[in-house]
Amino acid sequence: MNFNGVVIGLASFLIIGIFHPIAIKGEFYFGVRIWRAFLLAGIVTLAASLLCANTIASALLGVLSFTCFWSILEIFEQRERVAKGWFPAGPSHRRHTGSPEQ
């Protein structure tokens, strides 16, 4: 039996599931400035994926890379959700709004 597909599928599910709250919390605490960290992580893991000889590890690094790239979009979408009042504004938002809670 070949379990490569099952391992890659399960790990992909976990990586994506873990990164969603990471992107939300990153936007909460750092605002959209954190997009650069996700870009750097995405580029590094993409390069590692291209250089990795192991098929499963290469696939998982590729999933991790594109999940980092997807997180950039999610951060900017989260900013819009915060502006609409669907999510609370984090400390980085209060600094820019001039609210008395500084």
Protein backbone atom coordinates (compact mmCIF):
# COMPACT_ATOMS: atom_id res chain seq x y z
CA MET A 1 0.00 0.00 0.00
CA ASN A 2 1.17 3.49 -0.84
CA PHE A 3 0.35 6.01 1.89
CA ASN A 4 2.10 9.01 0.30
CA GLY A 5 -1.16 10.57 -0.85
CA VAL A 6 -2.78 10.10 2.55
CA VAL A 7 0.21 11.61 4.36
CA ILE A 8 0.34 14.60 2.00
CA GLY A 9 -3.43 15.10 2.19
CA LEU A 10 -3.56 14.98 5.98
CA ALA A 11 -0.53 17.21 6.41
CA SER A 12 -1.94 19.70 3.87
CA PHE A 13 -5.21 19.80 5.79
CA LEU A 14 -3.33 20.46 9.04
CA ILE A 15 -1.05 23.12 7.55
CA ILE A 16 -3.96 25.05 6.06
CA GLY A 17 -5.99 24.67 9.24
CA ILE A 18 -3.17 25.93 11.42
CA PHE A 19 -2.31 28.87 9.19
CA HIS A 20 -5.81 30.37 9.14
CA PRO A 21 -5.72 31.42 12.82
CA ILE A 22 -2.05 32.39 12.47
CA ALA A 23 -2.97 34.86 9.71
CA ILE A 24 -5.92 36.22 11.72
CA LYS A 25 -3.83 36.65 14.90
CA GLY A 26 -0.95 38.12 12.90
CA GLU A 27 -3.25 40.80 11.50
CA PHE A 28 -4.71 41.41 14.97
CA TYR A 29 -1.34 42.02 16.65
CA PHE A 30 0.75 43.44 13.80
CA GLY A 31 -1.75 44.73 11.23
CA VAL A 32 -1.09 44.23 7.55
CA ARG A 33 2.63 44.96 8.05
CA ILE A 34 3.14 41.25 8.73
CA TRP A 35 2.55 40.38 5.08
CA ARG A 36 6.29 40.70 4.46
CA ALA A 37 7.04 37.91 6.95
CA PHE A 38 4.58 35.62 5.16
CA LEU A 39 6.13 36.55 1.80
CA LEU A 40 9.63 35.76 3.05
CA ALA A 41 8.50 32.47 4.60
CA GLY A 42 6.72 31.56 1.37
CA ILE A 43 9.77 32.26 -0.77
CA VAL A 44 12.09 30.34 1.56
CA THR A 45 9.83 27.29 1.73
CA LEU A 46 9.26 27.40 -2.03
CA ALA A 47 13.02 27.35 -2.62
CA ALA A 48 13.38 24.51 -0.10
CA SER A 49 10.63 22.60 -1.90
CA LEU A 50 12.46 22.94 -5.20
CA LEU A 51 15.73 21.74 -3.67
CA CYS A 52 14.32 18.86 -1.61
CA ALA A 53 14.87 15.37 -3.01
CA ASN A 54 12.21 13.64 -0.89
CA THR A 55 8.83 13.68 -2.65
CA ILE A 56 6.67 13.95 0.48
CA ALA A 57 8.85 16.63 2.07
CA SER A 58 8.96 18.58 -1.19
CA ALA A 59 5.18 18.43 -1.55
CA LEU A 60 4.63 19.54 2.04
CA LEU A 61 7.10 22.40 1.69
CA GLY A 62 5.22 23.44 -1.45
CA VAL A 63 1.91 23.36 0.43
CA LEU A 64 3.47 25.36 3.24
CA SER A 65 4.85 27.88 0.75
CA PHE A 66 1.55 28.52 -0.98
CA THR A 67 -0.26 28.60 2.35
CA CYS A 68 2.07 31.45 3.33
CA PHE A 69 1.23 33.21 0.07
CA TRP A 70 -2.49 32.65 0.70
CA SER A 71 -2.05 34.10 4.20
CA ILE A 72 -1.05 37.43 2.65
CA LEU A 73 -4.43 37.65 0.95
CA GLU A 74 -6.15 36.55 4.14
CA ILE A 75 -4.44 39.32 6.13
CA PHE A 76 -5.76 42.02 3.81
CA GLU A 77 -9.23 40.45 3.81
CA GLN A 78 -9.11 40.36 7.61
CA ARG A 79 -8.36 44.08 7.65
CA GLU A 80 -11.58 44.63 5.69
CA ARG A 81 -13.54 42.42 8.10
CA VAL A 82 -12.18 44.44 11.04
CA ALA A 83 -13.16 47.69 9.31
CA LYS A 84 -16.72 46.35 8.89
CA GLY A 85 -16.82 45.53 12.61
CA TRP A 86 -17.04 41.77 12.14
CA PHE A 87 -13.84 41.21 14.16
CA PRO A 88 -12.31 43.25 17.01
CA ALA A 89 -9.51 45.67 16.23
CA GLY A 90 -6.15 44.70 17.66
CA PRO A 91 -3.57 46.88 19.39
CA SER A 92 -2.02 47.88 16.06
CA HIS A 93 -5.40 49.22 14.87
CA ARG A 94 -5.99 51.37 17.94
CA ARG A 95 -2.68 53.12 17.40
CA HIS A 96 -3.77 54.32 13.96
CA THR A 97 -7.36 55.29 14.80
CA GLY A 98 -6.46 57.81 17.46
CA SER A 99 -8.79 56.23 20.01
CA PRO A 100 -8.30 57.18 23.67
CA GLU A 101 -7.38 53.56 24.49
CA GLN A 102 -3.77 54.13 23.47
